[in-house]
């Protein structure tokens, strides 16, 4: 009897783990956690082979289709220049239709860097993600759109962070 119960329990836990790991919302959350950790190998695992990256509401630049490495290289050009970053997500709304999913969430990004004019730059907005399930059954991000609402704090920190990254490479 113990063996049967243990087997059933193991099967239930395995199924819960599979659902957790294959949940589009968890993929989006993992993207931001691993980005804050600067764990670039793990960041890459969240993306499909190409990603439509759209920050146009904040940067006025056109949306661009990039490889995961191109996205990561762009992020490596600024994020390691901060002493810390913290992305906080919430108010998730997800919809799955077959092998496609959309995820909406609010996002707050705090960037810390010691500076006499202010140590924190905060960006507030929301995100629209599109994901596809690959042949292995894993959800991968194909579209990441940021919807800028406002920013607060020392907006000059971004330029300082970019300069810090350049100086670290020398």
Protein backbone atom coordinates (compact mmCIF):
# COMPACT_ATOMS: atom_id res chain seq x y z
CA UNK A 1 0.00 0.00 0.00
CA UNK A 2 2.85 2.38 0.87
CA UNK A 3 4.44 1.75 -2.51
CA UNK A 4 1.20 2.50 -4.35
CA UNK A 5 0.64 5.74 -2.41
CA UNK A 6 4.23 6.80 -2.96
CA UNK A 7 3.88 6.09 -6.68
CA UNK A 8 0.63 8.08 -6.93
CA UNK A 9 2.13 10.96 -4.93
CA UNK A 10 5.24 11.02 -7.17
CA UNK A 11 3.05 11.03 -10.28
CA UNK A 12 0.97 13.95 -8.96
CA UNK A 13 4.08 15.98 -8.05
CA UNK A 14 5.65 15.24 -11.46
CA UNK A 15 2.51 16.44 -13.24
CA UNK A 16 2.37 19.61 -11.13
CA UNK A 17 6.03 20.31 -11.89
CA UNK A 18 5.45 19.79 -15.62
CA UNK A 19 2.49 22.20 -15.54
CA UNK A 20 4.51 24.75 -13.58
CA UNK A 21 7.46 24.55 -15.96
CA UNK A 22 5.21 24.68 -19.01
CA UNK A 23 3.12 27.64 -17.90
CA UNK A 24 3.50 30.74 -20.14
CA UNK A 25 3.18 33.08 -17.13
CA UNK A 26 6.05 31.28 -15.41
CA UNK A 27 8.21 31.68 -18.52
CA UNK A 28 7.61 35.45 -18.45
CA UNK A 29 8.37 35.59 -14.72
CA UNK A 30 11.52 33.53 -15.22
CA UNK A 31 12.68 35.91 -17.95
CA UNK A 32 12.74 38.84 -15.53
CA UNK A 33 14.18 36.90 -12.59
CA UNK A 34 17.08 35.57 -14.67
CA UNK A 35 17.61 39.01 -16.23
CA UNK A 36 17.96 40.60 -12.78
CA UNK A 37 20.39 37.80 -11.89
CA UNK A 38 22.28 38.49 -15.14
CA UNK A 39 22.09 34.76 -15.82
CA UNK A 40 22.23 35.16 -19.57
CA UNK A 41 22.19 31.43 -20.38
CA UNK A 42 18.89 31.08 -18.52
CA UNK A 43 17.52 34.28 -20.08
CA UNK A 44 18.13 32.80 -23.53
CA UNK A 45 16.11 29.67 -22.70
CA UNK A 46 12.94 31.77 -22.36
CA UNK A 47 13.04 32.98 -25.96
CA UNK A 48 12.10 31.42 -29.27
CA UNK A 49 14.62 31.44 -32.13
CA UNK A 50 13.53 35.00 -32.98
CA UNK A 51 11.79 37.61 -30.85
CA UNK A 52 9.85 40.69 -31.88
CA UNK A 53 11.06 43.24 -29.33
CA UNK A 54 8.95 46.39 -29.08
CA UNK A 55 9.92 49.23 -26.74
CA UNK A 56 8.57 51.85 -29.16
CA UNK A 57 6.24 53.44 -26.60
CA UNK A 58 9.29 54.42 -24.55
CA UNK A 59 12.07 54.81 -27.11
CA UNK A 60 10.21 55.84 -30.28
CA UNK A 61 12.29 53.19 -32.07
CA UNK A 62 10.56 50.76 -34.39
CA UNK A 63 9.87 47.22 -33.17
CA UNK A 64 12.67 44.87 -34.22
CA UNK A 65 12.91 41.13 -34.76
CA UNK A 66 16.06 39.83 -33.07
CA UNK A 67 17.69 36.58 -32.08
CA UNK A 68 17.87 35.83 -28.35
CA UNK A 69 21.60 36.59 -28.43
CA UNK A 70 20.95 40.01 -29.97
CA UNK A 71 18.41 40.81 -27.24
CA UNK A 72 20.82 39.66 -24.55
CA UNK A 73 23.74 41.58 -26.08
CA UNK A 74 21.64 44.76 -25.99
CA UNK A 75 20.71 44.14 -22.35
CA UNK A 76 24.36 43.36 -21.52
CA UNK A 77 25.17 46.82 -22.86
CA UNK A 78 23.32 48.51 -19.99
CA UNK A 79 22.10 46.24 -17.19
CA UNK A 80 25.51 45.17 -15.78
CA UNK A 81 26.30 48.89 -15.46
CA UNK A 82 23.80 49.19 -12.60
CA UNK A 83 24.62 48.03 -9.09
CA UNK A 84 21.24 46.28 -9.02
CA UNK A 85 18.04 45.93 -11.03
CA UNK A 86 14.67 44.68 -9.85
CA UNK A 87 11.75 43.83 -12.11
CA UNK A 88 8.43 43.37 -10.34
CA UNK A 89 5.50 41.90 -12.27
CA UNK A 90 1.85 41.55 -11.42
CA UNK A 91 -1.77 41.53 -12.57
CA UNK A 92 -1.16 38.68 -14.99
CA UNK A 93 -3.80 37.84 -17.57
CA UNK A 94 -3.03 34.81 -19.74
CA UNK A 95 -4.81 33.07 -22.55
CA UNK A 96 -3.77 29.81 -24.19
CA UNK A 97 -5.12 28.70 -27.55
CA UNK A 98 -3.51 25.47 -28.70
CA UNK A 99 0.22 26.01 -29.16
CA UNK A 100 0.00 29.80 -28.78
CA UNK A 101 -0.37 31.92 -25.68
CA UNK A 102 -0.62 35.59 -24.82
CA UNK A 103 0.39 37.01 -21.46
CA UNK A 104 -0.33 40.54 -20.22
CA UNK A 105 1.17 41.91 -17.02
CA UNK A 106 2.09 45.11 -15.23
CA UNK A 107 5.79 45.77 -14.81
CA UNK A 108 7.92 47.98 -12.62
CA UNK A 109 11.66 48.11 -13.24
CA UNK A 110 13.89 49.67 -10.60
CA UNK A 111 17.51 50.40 -11.46
CA UNK A 112 19.98 51.28 -8.68
CA UNK A 113 23.29 53.05 -9.13
CA UNK A 114 25.01 55.26 -6.58
CA UNK A 115 24.81 58.85 -7.81
CA UNK A 116 24.74 62.27 -6.14
CA UNK A 117 21.68 63.30 -8.18
CA UNK A 118 19.69 60.24 -7.12
CA UNK A 119 20.35 56.51 -6.91
CA UNK A 120 17.20 55.07 -8.48
CA UNK A 121 15.57 55.18 -11.89
CA UNK A 122 12.15 53.51 -12.03
CA UNK A 123 10.21 52.66 -15.18
CA UNK A 124 6.51 51.74 -14.99
CA UNK A 125 4.38 50.13 -17.66
CA UNK A 126 2.82 46.91 -18.83
CA UNK A 127 3.87 44.11 -21.15
CA UNK A 128 2.20 42.12 -23.89
CA UNK A 129 3.88 38.79 -24.58
CA UNK A 130 3.20 36.19 -27.22
CA UNK A 131 4.54 32.67 -26.77
CA UNK A 132 4.55 29.46 -28.76
CA UNK A 133 4.93 25.90 -27.56
CA UNK A 134 7.91 24.25 -29.24
CA UNK A 135 8.24 20.60 -30.32
CA UNK A 136 9.50 19.64 -26.84
CA UNK A 137 6.39 21.15 -25.24
CA UNK A 138 8.15 24.18 -23.74
CA UNK A 139 6.69 27.69 -24.02
CA UNK A 140 9.00 30.22 -25.71
CA UNK A 141 8.58 33.99 -26.01
CA UNK A 142 8.15 35.21 -29.60
CA UNK A 143 6.96 38.77 -28.90
CA UNK A 144 7.77 41.14 -26.04
CA UNK A 145 6.03 44.53 -26.16
CA UNK A 146 6.52 47.12 -23.43
CA UNK A 147 3.75 49.69 -22.94
CA UNK A 148 5.38 52.68 -21.26
CA UNK A 149 3.33 54.59 -18.66
CA UNK A 150 5.85 56.77 -16.82
CA UNK A 151 9.28 56.94 -15.24
CA UNK A 152 10.55 58.49 -12.05
CA UNK A 153 13.84 59.20 -10.39
CA UNK A 154 17.21 59.88 -11.95
CA UNK A 155 16.75 59.25 -15.67
CA UNK A 156 20.46 60.00 -16.23
CA UNK A 157 21.38 56.66 -14.62
CA UNK A 158 20.84 54.80 -17.91
CA UNK A 159 23.61 56.74 -19.62
CA UNK A 160 25.86 56.27 -16.60
CA UNK A 161 25.18 52.50 -16.63
CA UNK A 162 26.06 52.28 -20.34
CA UNK A 163 29.30 54.15 -19.65
CA UNK A 164 30.05 51.80 -16.73
CA UNK A 165 29.67 48.77 -19.04
CA UNK A 166 32.01 50.35 -21.61
CA UNK A 167 34.60 51.06 -18.88
CA UNK A 168 34.35 47.48 -17.58
CA UNK A 169 35.28 46.16 -21.04
CA UNK A 170 38.50 48.21 -21.16
